[in-house]
Amino acid sequence: MTSYHKIPSTVHKKFCILDGAAVKGTTKAEKAVYLGKIKLHTGESFDNDNIADAYMLARTLRAMKVVGSDQALFSSLCQKQVEALVASSYIKDNGLTPAKIKKMNWEEYSSAVIGGMHKSYTVFECGIGNS
């Protein structure tokens, strides 16, 4: 059995640039606005929106994996970032609201992040072929 993490673009956008509804757009000017938001919130500058998305995805996944062992990271997150790391299915299944998430201490929050990742996104691997 292998675990994987499915992170919708709205999650990494909400976590990294505090705007889950941010749109890249298709024109050069629209993409420049999008890349400007990324630079403003992360401090990183990119010429390519796809590379910027990959960076934000990696940054979000790292936070999801590390928050359970790094209380300082938890303390440094703003409310939108805190909400972004908890899987929506976990929120729904556990009757959580933004207000309830805001009141969580570090241990409760790490459990919610980890619980959401593993509960929602575990898959089976199957080897097929000649053996």
N, C-alpha and C. Protein backbone atom coordinates (compact mmCIF):
# COMPACT_ATOMS: atom_id res chain seq x y z
N MET A 1 0.85 -1.16 0.00
CA MET A 1 0.00 0.00 0.00
C MET A 1 0.91 1.25 0.00
N THR A 2 0.53 2.21 -0.81
CA THR A 2 1.29 3.45 -0.92
C THR A 2 0.36 4.62 -0.67
N SER A 3 0.87 5.63 0.02
CA SER A 3 0.08 6.84 0.24
C SER A 3 0.50 7.90 -0.76
N TYR A 4 -0.44 8.69 -1.18
CA TYR A 4 -0.13 9.85 -1.99
C TYR A 4 -1.00 11.00 -1.51
N HIS A 5 -0.64 12.19 -1.86
CA HIS A 5 -1.35 13.36 -1.39
C HIS A 5 -1.91 14.12 -2.58
N LYS A 6 -3.20 14.25 -2.61
CA LYS A 6 -3.89 14.97 -3.67
C LYS A 6 -4.16 16.38 -3.13
N ILE A 7 -3.49 17.35 -3.70
CA ILE A 7 -3.63 18.72 -3.23
C ILE A 7 -4.22 19.56 -4.35
N PRO A 8 -5.49 19.94 -4.26
CA PRO A 8 -6.10 20.76 -5.30
C PRO A 8 -5.39 22.11 -5.41
N SER A 9 -5.43 22.71 -6.58
CA SER A 9 -4.76 23.99 -6.78
C SER A 9 -5.29 25.05 -5.84
N THR A 10 -6.55 24.97 -5.45
CA THR A 10 -7.10 25.96 -4.52
C THR A 10 -6.40 25.90 -3.17
N VAL A 11 -5.95 24.70 -2.77
CA VAL A 11 -5.28 24.54 -1.48
C VAL A 11 -3.90 25.19 -1.51
N HIS A 12 -3.09 24.87 -2.51
CA HIS A 12 -1.75 25.46 -2.50
C HIS A 12 -1.79 26.97 -2.75
N LYS A 13 -2.79 27.43 -3.49
CA LYS A 13 -2.94 28.87 -3.68
C LYS A 13 -3.35 29.54 -2.37
N LYS A 14 -4.28 28.92 -1.66
CA LYS A 14 -4.73 29.49 -0.39
C LYS A 14 -3.59 29.48 0.63
N PHE A 15 -2.81 28.40 0.65
CA PHE A 15 -1.72 28.31 1.60
C PHE A 15 -0.60 29.30 1.28
N CYS A 16 -0.22 29.40 0.02
CA CYS A 16 0.95 30.21 -0.34
C CYS A 16 0.66 31.68 -0.63
N ILE A 17 -0.49 31.96 -1.23
CA ILE A 17 -0.76 33.37 -1.58
C ILE A 17 -2.06 33.88 -0.96
N LEU A 18 -2.63 33.07 -0.07
CA LEU A 18 -3.82 33.44 0.71
C LEU A 18 -5.04 33.72 -0.15
N ASP A 19 -5.06 33.16 -1.35
CA ASP A 19 -6.19 33.37 -2.27
C ASP A 19 -6.41 32.10 -3.08
N GLY A 20 -7.28 31.23 -2.57
CA GLY A 20 -7.54 29.96 -3.24
C GLY A 20 -8.22 30.11 -4.59
N ALA A 21 -8.82 31.28 -4.82
CA ALA A 21 -9.53 31.51 -6.08
C ALA A 21 -8.67 32.25 -7.11
N ALA A 22 -7.41 32.49 -6.80
CA ALA A 22 -6.53 33.21 -7.72
C ALA A 22 -6.46 32.47 -9.06
N VAL A 23 -6.53 33.22 -10.13
CA VAL A 23 -6.52 32.65 -11.47
C VAL A 23 -5.25 33.10 -12.17
N LYS A 24 -4.59 32.15 -12.83
CA LYS A 24 -3.38 32.48 -13.59
C LYS A 24 -3.69 33.34 -14.79
N GLY A 25 -4.80 33.06 -15.42
CA GLY A 25 -5.13 33.74 -16.66
C GLY A 25 -4.34 33.16 -17.82
N THR A 26 -4.58 33.69 -19.00
CA THR A 26 -3.90 33.17 -20.19
C THR A 26 -3.00 34.19 -20.85
N THR A 27 -3.22 35.47 -20.57
CA THR A 27 -2.37 36.49 -21.20
C THR A 27 -1.12 36.70 -20.38
N LYS A 28 -0.14 37.29 -21.00
CA LYS A 28 1.12 37.58 -20.32
C LYS A 28 0.89 38.51 -19.13
N ALA A 29 0.02 39.50 -19.30
CA ALA A 29 -0.27 40.46 -18.23
C ALA A 29 -0.96 39.78 -17.05
N GLU A 30 -1.92 38.88 -17.33
CA GLU A 30 -2.62 38.16 -16.26
C GLU A 30 -1.66 37.25 -15.50
N LYS A 31 -0.77 36.60 -16.22
CA LYS A 31 0.20 35.73 -15.57
C LYS A 31 1.18 36.54 -14.73
N ALA A 32 1.51 37.74 -15.19
CA ALA A 32 2.41 38.60 -14.43
C ALA A 32 1.78 39.00 -13.09
N VAL A 33 0.48 39.27 -13.09
CA VAL A 33 -0.23 39.60 -11.84
C VAL A 33 -0.17 38.40 -10.89
N TYR A 34 -0.43 37.22 -11.42
CA TYR A 34 -0.40 35.98 -10.64
C TYR A 34 1.00 35.75 -10.05
N LEU A 35 2.02 35.88 -10.88
CA LEU A 35 3.39 35.68 -10.41
C LEU A 35 3.78 36.75 -9.39
N GLY A 36 3.22 37.95 -9.54
CA GLY A 36 3.47 39.02 -8.56
C GLY A 36 2.90 38.67 -7.19
N LYS A 37 1.72 38.05 -7.17
CA LYS A 37 1.13 37.61 -5.90
C LYS A 37 2.01 36.58 -5.22
N ILE A 38 2.55 35.67 -6.02
CA ILE A 38 3.42 34.63 -5.47
C ILE A 38 4.66 35.26 -4.86
N LYS A 39 5.25 36.22 -5.58
CA LYS A 39 6.46 36.88 -5.06
C LYS A 39 6.14 37.66 -3.78
N LEU A 40 5.00 38.34 -3.77
CA LEU A 40 4.60 39.13 -2.60
C LEU A 40 4.46 38.26 -1.35
N HIS A 41 3.85 37.10 -1.49
CA HIS A 41 3.56 36.26 -0.32
C HIS A 41 4.64 35.25 0.02
N THR A 42 5.45 34.84 -0.96
CA THR A 42 6.47 33.82 -0.66
C THR A 42 7.89 34.38 -0.72
N GLY A 43 8.04 35.51 -1.40
CA GLY A 43 9.37 36.07 -1.56
C GLY A 43 10.13 35.47 -2.74
N GLU A 44 9.53 34.50 -3.41
CA GLU A 44 10.18 33.84 -4.54
C GLU A 44 9.69 34.43 -5.85
N SER A 45 10.61 34.58 -6.80
CA SER A 45 10.28 35.15 -8.10
C SER A 45 10.39 34.07 -9.17
N PHE A 46 9.38 34.01 -10.04
CA PHE A 46 9.35 33.01 -11.11
C PHE A 46 9.01 33.68 -12.43
N ASP A 47 9.57 33.13 -13.51
CA ASP A 47 9.25 33.59 -14.87
C ASP A 47 8.17 32.71 -15.51
N ASN A 48 7.94 31.55 -14.93
CA ASN A 48 7.03 30.57 -15.51
C ASN A 48 5.96 30.20 -14.48
N ASP A 49 4.69 30.34 -14.85
CA ASP A 49 3.60 30.08 -13.91
C ASP A 49 3.50 28.61 -13.52
N ASN A 50 3.88 27.71 -14.40
CA ASN A 50 3.83 26.28 -14.07
C ASN A 50 4.89 25.92 -13.04
N ILE A 51 6.07 26.51 -13.17
CA ILE A 51 7.13 26.28 -12.18
C ILE A 51 6.71 26.89 -10.85
N ALA A 52 6.06 28.05 -10.89
CA ALA A 52 5.57 28.68 -9.67
C ALA A 52 4.53 27.79 -8.98
N ASP A 53 3.64 27.19 -9.76
CA ASP A 53 2.65 26.27 -9.19
C ASP A 53 3.33 25.07 -8.55
N ALA A 54 4.33 24.52 -9.22
CA ALA A 54 5.06 23.37 -8.67
C ALA A 54 5.74 23.75 -7.35
N TYR A 55 6.31 24.94 -7.29
CA TYR A 55 6.95 25.43 -6.06
C TYR A 55 5.91 25.53 -4.94
N MET A 56 4.75 26.14 -5.24
CA MET A 56 3.72 26.30 -4.21
C MET A 56 3.20 24.95 -3.75
N LEU A 57 3.06 24.01 -4.67
CA LEU A 57 2.62 22.67 -4.32
C LEU A 57 3.62 22.00 -3.38
N ALA A 58 4.90 22.10 -3.71
CA ALA A 58 5.95 21.51 -2.86
C ALA A 58 5.98 22.18 -1.49
N ARG A 59 5.82 23.49 -1.47
CA ARG A 59 5.84 24.24 -0.21
C ARG A 59 4.65 23.82 0.67
N THR A 60 3.50 23.63 0.06
CA THR A 60 2.30 23.22 0.79
C THR A 60 2.45 21.80 1.33
N LEU A 61 2.91 20.89 0.50
CA LEU A 61 3.11 19.51 0.93
C LEU A 61 4.13 19.43 2.06
N ARG A 62 5.20 20.19 1.95
CA ARG A 62 6.21 20.21 3.02
C ARG A 62 5.57 20.66 4.34
N ALA A 63 4.77 21.70 4.30
CA ALA A 63 4.11 22.18 5.51
C ALA A 63 3.18 21.12 6.09
N MET A 64 2.45 20.42 5.21
CA MET A 64 1.55 19.36 5.68
C MET A 64 2.33 18.26 6.39
N LYS A 65 3.49 17.93 5.86
CA LYS A 65 4.29 16.85 6.42
C LYS A 65 5.01 17.26 7.71
N VAL A 66 5.39 18.54 7.80
CA VAL A 66 6.23 19.01 8.90
C VAL A 66 5.44 19.56 10.08
N VAL A 67 4.22 20.02 9.85
CA VAL A 67 3.48 20.71 10.91
C VAL A 67 3.28 19.85 12.15
N GLY A 68 3.23 18.55 12.00
CA GLY A 68 3.05 17.66 13.15
C GLY A 68 4.26 17.59 14.06
N SER A 69 5.43 17.97 13.56
CA SER A 69 6.63 17.92 14.38
C SER A 69 7.25 19.30 14.58
N ASP A 70 6.59 20.34 14.11
CA ASP A 70 7.17 21.68 14.18
C ASP A 70 6.14 22.68 14.71
N GLN A 71 6.12 22.84 16.01
CA GLN A 71 5.15 23.73 16.63
C GLN A 71 5.40 25.18 16.21
N ALA A 72 6.65 25.54 15.95
CA ALA A 72 6.96 26.90 15.51
C ALA A 72 6.32 27.20 14.16
N LEU A 73 6.30 26.21 13.27
CA LEU A 73 5.63 26.40 11.98
C LEU A 73 4.15 26.68 12.20
N PHE A 74 3.52 25.88 13.03
CA PHE A 74 2.09 26.07 13.33
C PHE A 74 1.85 27.49 13.85
N SER A 75 2.69 27.93 14.76
CA SER A 75 2.52 29.27 15.36
C SER A 75 2.72 30.39 14.35
N SER A 76 3.46 30.12 13.28
CA SER A 76 3.76 31.17 12.30
C SER A 76 2.69 31.29 11.21
N LEU A 77 1.76 30.34 11.14
CA LEU A 77 0.75 30.35 10.08
C LEU A 77 -0.38 31.32 10.38
N CYS A 78 -0.86 32.00 9.33
CA CYS A 78 -2.05 32.83 9.49
C CYS A 78 -3.28 31.92 9.38
N GLN A 79 -4.45 32.45 9.70
CA GLN A 79 -5.67 31.63 9.72
C GLN A 79 -5.97 30.97 8.38
N LYS A 80 -5.78 31.69 7.27
CA LYS A 80 -6.05 31.09 5.95
C LYS A 80 -5.12 29.92 5.68
N GLN A 81 -3.86 30.04 6.10
CA GLN A 81 -2.92 28.94 5.90
C GLN A 81 -3.30 27.75 6.76
N VAL A 82 -3.71 28.02 7.99
CA VAL A 82 -4.12 26.95 8.89
C VAL A 82 -5.28 26.17 8.28
N GLU A 83 -6.27 26.89 7.79
CA GLU A 83 -7.44 26.25 7.17
C GLU A 83 -7.06 25.47 5.91
N ALA A 84 -6.12 25.99 5.15
CA ALA A 84 -5.76 25.37 3.87
C ALA A 84 -5.16 23.98 4.03
N LEU A 85 -4.48 23.72 5.12
CA LEU A 85 -3.78 22.44 5.28
C LEU A 85 -4.66 21.29 5.75
N VAL A 86 -5.88 21.58 6.18
CA VAL A 86 -6.77 20.51 6.63
C VAL A 86 -7.64 20.09 5.44
N ALA A 87 -7.61 18.82 5.10
CA ALA A 87 -8.37 18.31 3.94
C ALA A 87 -9.85 18.61 4.09
N SER A 88 -10.46 19.06 3.01
CA SER A 88 -11.88 19.41 3.05
C SER A 88 -12.74 18.21 3.44
N SER A 89 -12.35 17.02 3.03
CA SER A 89 -13.13 15.82 3.41
C SER A 89 -13.04 15.60 4.92
N TYR A 90 -11.89 15.88 5.51
CA TYR A 90 -11.72 15.73 6.96
C TYR A 90 -12.57 16.77 7.69
N ILE A 91 -12.59 17.98 7.16
CA ILE A 91 -13.40 19.05 7.74
C ILE A 91 -14.87 18.63 7.74
N LYS A 92 -15.33 18.15 6.60
CA LYS A 92 -16.73 17.74 6.45
C LYS A 92 -17.05 16.55 7.36
N ASP A 93 -16.21 15.52 7.33
CA ASP A 93 -16.46 14.30 8.12
C ASP A 93 -16.45 14.55 9.62
N ASN A 94 -15.73 15.58 10.06
CA ASN A 94 -15.58 15.84 11.49
C ASN A 94 -16.34 17.07 11.96
N GLY A 95 -17.18 17.62 11.10
CA GLY A 95 -18.00 18.77 11.47
C GLY A 95 -17.20 20.00 11.87
N LEU A 96 -16.06 20.19 11.23
CA LEU A 96 -15.23 21.34 11.57
C LEU A 96 -15.69 22.59 10.82
N THR A 97 -15.44 23.71 11.42
CA THR A 97 -15.70 25.01 10.82
C THR A 97 -14.43 25.83 10.96
N PRO A 98 -14.29 26.94 10.22
CA PRO A 98 -13.11 27.79 10.41
C PRO A 98 -12.95 28.21 11.88
N ALA A 99 -14.04 28.48 12.56
CA ALA A 99 -13.96 28.88 13.97
C ALA A 99 -13.41 27.75 14.85
N LYS A 100 -13.85 26.52 14.60
CA LYS A 100 -13.36 25.37 15.37
C LYS A 100 -11.88 25.12 15.08
N ILE A 101 -11.50 25.26 13.81
CA ILE A 101 -10.09 25.06 13.45
C ILE A 101 -9.23 26.12 14.13
N LYS A 102 -9.72 27.34 14.17
CA LYS A 102 -8.97 28.45 14.78
C LYS A 102 -8.71 28.19 16.26
N LYS A 103 -9.63 27.50 16.94
CA LYS A 103 -9.49 27.24 18.37
C LYS A 103 -8.61 26.03 18.69
N MET A 104 -8.22 25.27 17.66
CA MET A 104 -7.41 24.07 17.90
C MET A 104 -6.03 24.42 18.42
N ASN A 105 -5.54 23.59 19.34
CA ASN A 105 -4.14 23.74 19.74
C ASN A 105 -3.28 22.97 18.74
N TRP A 106 -1.98 23.04 18.89
CA TRP A 106 -1.05 22.43 17.95
C TRP A 106 -1.28 20.93 17.79
N GLU A 107 -1.46 20.23 18.91
CA GLU A 107 -1.63 18.78 18.84
C GLU A 107 -2.92 18.41 18.08
N GLU A 108 -4.01 19.10 18.39
CA GLU A 108 -5.28 18.83 17.71
C GLU A 108 -5.16 19.14 16.22
N TYR A 109 -4.51 20.25 15.92
CA TYR A 109 -4.35 20.66 14.53
C TYR A 109 -3.50 19.67 13.74
N SER A 110 -2.34 19.27 14.32
CA SER A 110 -1.49 18.31 13.60
C SER A 110 -2.22 17.02 13.34
N SER A 111 -3.03 16.59 14.30
CA SER A 111 -3.81 15.37 14.13
C SER A 111 -4.81 15.53 12.99
N ALA A 112 -5.42 16.70 12.89
CA ALA A 112 -6.39 16.95 11.81
C ALA A 112 -5.70 16.96 10.45
N VAL A 113 -4.53 17.58 10.36
CA VAL A 113 -3.80 17.63 9.08
C VAL A 113 -3.38 16.23 8.67
N ILE A 114 -2.77 15.52 9.59
CA ILE A 114 -2.29 14.16 9.28
C ILE A 114 -3.46 13.22 9.03
N GLY A 115 -4.50 13.32 9.84
CA GLY A 115 -5.69 12.47 9.67
C GLY A 115 -6.35 12.69 8.32
N GLY A 116 -6.42 13.93 7.91
CA GLY A 116 -7.01 14.25 6.61
C GLY A 116 -6.20 13.73 5.45
N MET A 117 -4.88 13.81 5.58
CA MET A 117 -4.02 13.33 4.50
C MET A 117 -4.14 11.82 4.34
N HIS A 118 -4.05 11.10 5.43
CA HIS A 118 -4.02 9.64 5.33
C HIS A 118 -5.39 9.03 5.11
N LYS A 119 -6.41 9.59 5.70
CA LYS A 119 -7.75 9.03 5.54
C LYS A 119 -8.24 9.17 4.11
N SER A 120 -7.97 10.30 3.51
CA SER A 120 -8.54 10.58 2.20
C SER A 120 -7.74 10.02 1.03
N TYR A 121 -6.45 9.86 1.20
CA TYR A 121 -5.63 9.63 0.04
C TYR A 121 -4.72 8.42 0.14
N THR A 122 -5.26 7.27 0.51
CA THR A 122 -4.47 6.05 0.52
C THR A 122 -4.93 5.19 -0.65
N VAL A 123 -3.96 4.69 -1.40
CA VAL A 123 -4.28 3.86 -2.56
C VAL A 123 -3.52 2.55 -2.46
N PHE A 124 -3.95 1.58 -3.23
CA PHE A 124 -3.29 0.28 -3.29
C PHE A 124 -2.46 0.20 -4.55
N GLU A 125 -1.31 -0.47 -4.44
CA GLU A 125 -0.49 -0.74 -5.62
C GLU A 125 -0.61 -2.22 -5.96
N CYS A 126 -0.58 -2.49 -7.20
CA CYS A 126 -0.70 -3.87 -7.63
C CYS A 126 0.33 -4.12 -8.74
N GLY A 127 1.18 -5.10 -8.56
CA GLY A 127 2.14 -5.45 -9.59
C GLY A 127 1.52 -6.43 -10.56
N ILE A 128 1.58 -6.09 -11.85
CA ILE A 128 1.04 -6.97 -12.87
C ILE A 128 2.16 -7.28 -13.86
N GLY A 129 2.28 -8.49 -14.23
CA GLY A 129 3.31 -8.85 -15.19
C GLY A 129 3.80 -10.25 -14.96
N ASN A 130 4.86 -10.58 -15.66
CA ASN A 130 5.43 -11.93 -15.53
C ASN A 130 6.36 -11.96 -14.33
N SER A 131 6.17 -12.92 -13.45
CA SER A 131 7.10 -13.08 -12.33
C SER A 131 7.53 -14.51 -12.20
